Protein backbone atom coordinates (compact mmCIF):
# COMPACT_ATOMS: atom_id res chain seq x y z
CA MET A 1 -1.86 17.61 -1.85
CA LYS A 2 -1.90 14.00 -0.57
CA LEU A 3 -5.39 14.47 0.84
CA LYS A 4 -6.61 15.90 -2.47
CA LEU A 5 -5.11 12.93 -4.34
CA THR A 6 -6.75 10.42 -2.00
CA LEU A 7 -10.12 12.19 -2.18
CA GLY A 8 -9.84 12.43 -5.97
CA LEU A 9 -9.22 8.69 -6.25
CA ALA A 10 -12.17 7.95 -3.96
CA LEU A 11 -14.44 10.15 -6.08
CA MET A 12 -13.18 8.45 -9.25
CA CYS A 13 -14.03 5.06 -7.78
CA LEU A 14 -17.51 6.24 -6.83
CA ALA A 15 -18.09 7.83 -10.24
CA THR A 16 -17.19 4.63 -12.05
CA GLY A 17 -19.56 2.66 -9.84
CA LEU A 18 -22.21 2.71 -12.56
CA PHE A 19 -20.44 -0.15 -14.35
CA ALA A 20 -21.17 -3.73 -13.36
CA GLN A 21 -18.37 -5.57 -11.60
CA SER A 22 -16.98 -9.05 -11.79
CA ASP A 23 -14.90 -10.43 -8.93
CA TYR A 24 -11.28 -11.37 -9.44
CA LYS A 25 -9.02 -13.96 -7.89
CA GLN A 26 -5.54 -12.42 -8.34
CA SER A 27 -3.98 -9.18 -9.47
CA ILE A 28 -0.55 -7.72 -10.10
CA GLY A 29 0.50 -4.10 -10.55
CA VAL A 30 2.00 -1.11 -8.82
CA ARG A 31 1.41 0.72 -5.53
CA LEU A 32 2.49 4.33 -5.06
CA GLY A 33 2.78 5.45 -1.45
CA ASN A 34 4.04 8.24 0.73
CA GLY A 35 5.53 6.19 3.56
CA TYR A 36 9.07 5.98 4.83
CA TYR A 37 9.60 2.47 3.50
CA ASP A 38 8.62 2.72 -0.14
CA VAL A 39 7.38 5.23 -2.68
CA ALA A 40 6.89 2.76 -5.52
CA SER A 41 6.36 -0.96 -5.16
CA ALA A 42 5.31 -3.99 -7.13
CA ALA A 43 1.98 -5.20 -5.76
CA TYR A 44 0.46 -8.69 -5.86
CA LYS A 45 -2.93 -9.51 -4.36
CA THR A 46 -4.64 -12.90 -4.14
CA PHE A 47 -7.98 -13.82 -2.60
CA ILE A 48 -7.79 -16.85 -0.31
CA SER A 49 -11.54 -16.83 0.38
CA THR A 50 -14.56 -14.87 -0.81
CA ALA A 51 -13.77 -11.95 1.50
CA GLY A 52 -10.15 -12.57 2.56
CA ALA A 53 -7.09 -11.53 0.55
CA LEU A 54 -3.34 -11.44 0.95
CA GLU A 55 -1.36 -8.54 -0.52
CA PHE A 56 2.41 -8.53 -0.99
CA ASN A 57 4.56 -5.54 -1.93
CA LEU A 58 8.20 -5.20 -2.92
CA GLY A 59 9.21 -1.55 -2.97
CA VAL A 60 11.96 1.01 -2.99
CA ARG A 61 12.42 4.56 -1.78
CA PRO A 62 15.51 6.55 -2.76
CA TYR A 63 16.46 9.66 -0.78
CA GLY A 64 18.63 12.39 -2.20
CA ALA A 65 18.66 15.60 -0.16
CA GLY A 66 22.10 17.21 -0.02
CA ILE A 67 24.67 14.97 1.63
CA TYR A 68 21.94 12.70 3.00
CA LYS A 69 21.55 10.08 0.29
CA TRP A 70 20.31 6.57 0.96
CA THR A 71 17.99 3.93 -0.49
CA ASN A 72 15.41 1.91 1.34
CA VAL A 73 14.19 -1.48 0.04
CA ALA A 74 11.13 -3.06 1.66
CA VAL A 75 8.93 -6.13 1.46
CA SER A 76 5.52 -6.29 3.11
CA GLY A 77 2.64 -8.71 3.47
CA SER A 78 -0.85 -8.05 4.75
CA TYR A 79 -4.20 -9.72 5.24
CA GLN A 80 -7.28 -7.79 4.09
CA HIS A 81 -10.91 -8.64 4.84
CA HIS A 82 -13.31 -7.13 2.25
CA PHE A 83 -16.87 -5.89 2.66
CA ASP A 84 -19.24 -4.76 -0.12
CA ILE A 85 -20.19 -1.09 -0.33
CA LYS A 86 -23.82 -1.13 -1.40
CA PRO A 87 -25.35 -0.12 -3.76
CA VAL A 88 -22.14 0.31 -5.81
CA GLU A 89 -21.39 -3.09 -7.30
CA GLY A 90 -17.66 -3.82 -7.40
CA LEU A 91 -16.67 -1.31 -4.74
CA LYS A 92 -15.45 -2.85 -1.49
CA TRP A 93 -13.81 -1.56 1.65
CA PHE A 94 -11.31 -3.59 3.61
CA VAL A 95 -9.58 -3.78 6.97
CA GLY A 96 -6.65 -5.88 8.08
CA GLY A 97 -3.02 -5.64 9.00
CA GLY A 98 0.44 -6.76 8.14
CA VAL A 99 4.19 -6.77 8.59
CA ILE A 100 6.93 -4.89 6.75
CA ALA A 101 10.67 -5.62 6.68
CA SER A 102 13.13 -3.16 5.19
CA ASN A 103 16.79 -2.45 4.80
CA THR A 104 18.33 0.97 4.39
CA PHE A 105 21.52 1.23 2.33
CA SER A 106 23.77 4.27 2.75
CA ASN A 107 27.39 5.29 2.76
CA LEU A 108 26.71 7.67 5.68
CA ASP A 109 27.45 6.45 9.19
CA GLY A 110 24.29 5.84 11.17
CA TYR A 111 21.94 5.86 8.17
CA SER A 112 21.74 2.19 7.33
CA GLY A 113 20.25 -0.91 8.83
CA PHE A 114 17.40 -3.38 9.08
CA GLY A 115 13.89 -2.33 10.10
CA LEU A 116 10.77 -4.28 11.01
CA GLY A 117 7.30 -2.89 11.53
CA VAL A 118 3.65 -3.80 11.91
CA PHE A 119 0.67 -1.92 10.54
CA PRO A 120 -3.12 -1.92 10.56
CA ALA A 121 -4.57 -1.46 7.07
CA ALA A 122 -7.82 0.01 5.78
CA GLY A 123 -8.97 1.14 2.38
CA ALA A 124 -11.25 0.74 -0.61
CA ASP A 125 -10.91 -1.49 -3.68
CA TYR A 126 -12.78 -1.22 -7.01
CA LYS A 127 -12.75 -3.75 -9.86
CA PHE A 128 -13.82 -2.50 -13.29
CA SER A 129 -16.16 -4.88 -15.12
CA LYS A 130 -15.27 -4.06 -18.73
CA ILE A 131 -11.49 -4.17 -18.34
CA PRO A 132 -9.14 -6.31 -16.17
CA LEU A 133 -8.22 -3.49 -13.81
CA ALA A 134 -8.59 -3.02 -10.06
CA VAL A 135 -7.74 0.24 -8.27
CA SER A 136 -7.46 0.82 -4.56
CA ALA A 137 -6.56 3.42 -1.96
CA ASP A 138 -5.32 2.49 1.51
CA VAL A 139 -3.78 3.74 4.72
CA ARG A 140 -1.10 1.78 6.60
CA PRO A 141 0.21 3.64 9.65
CA THR A 142 3.35 1.68 10.53
CA PHE A 143 4.75 1.12 14.01
CA ASN A 144 8.41 0.09 14.09
CA VAL A 145 9.40 -2.93 16.14
CA VAL A 146 13.03 -2.66 15.02
CA GLU A 147 14.35 0.77 14.00
CA PRO A 148 16.60 0.78 10.91
CA PHE A 149 18.58 3.69 12.37
CA ASP A 150 18.07 6.63 14.70
CA TYR A 151 15.93 8.87 12.51
CA SER A 152 14.51 11.24 15.10
CA VAL A 153 11.79 12.77 12.89
CA TYR A 154 9.42 9.79 13.12
CA LYS A 155 10.33 8.18 16.47
CA GLY A 156 8.99 4.71 15.62
CA PHE A 157 5.78 5.68 13.83
CA TYR A 158 5.58 6.17 10.06
CA PRO A 159 2.39 7.42 8.39
CA ASN A 160 1.71 5.67 5.11
CA ALA A 161 -1.03 5.99 2.49
CA GLY A 162 -1.07 4.75 -1.06
CA ILE A 163 -2.92 4.08 -4.27
CA SER A 164 -2.69 0.96 -6.39
CA ALA A 165 -3.53 -0.06 -9.93
CA ARG A 166 -3.41 -3.79 -10.67
CA TYR A 167 -4.11 -6.03 -13.68
CA THR A 168 -6.63 -8.71 -12.65
CA PHE A 169 -6.77 -12.33 -13.67
């Protein structure tokens, strides 16, 4: 299902590539992901050079399976270097990396604490020309430096992929 969603978004970006594109300096919106740290997050992206951008996310992920209920709050920052995808004007791919800090809140013993991780990032970004909207898809496999708690399913590595929609200005 996640693969179909990612492929569908990529095809949508390619299909809309017929429209001309204008670059943007900043954007704000939402990122939906499948990672441990956050499912939904506020997303802010600003270009610091023609190709370089910083993206910041503030997100949350609630868990509610049986007696295991906790909430994770995370903040992340990443650098992204963009490259044009020719001949589609407005479609760019990017690579980079970043840091994520999180805190897990729970009333269960052993299921709360601070976490810190690093991640490489790669994805695609498309800016529509006729409307102030940018969409992107990315992958951010996260490696924990500090484990929030002993969650033996992941053992320090958390897969993460997401899609974003942001208002540009």
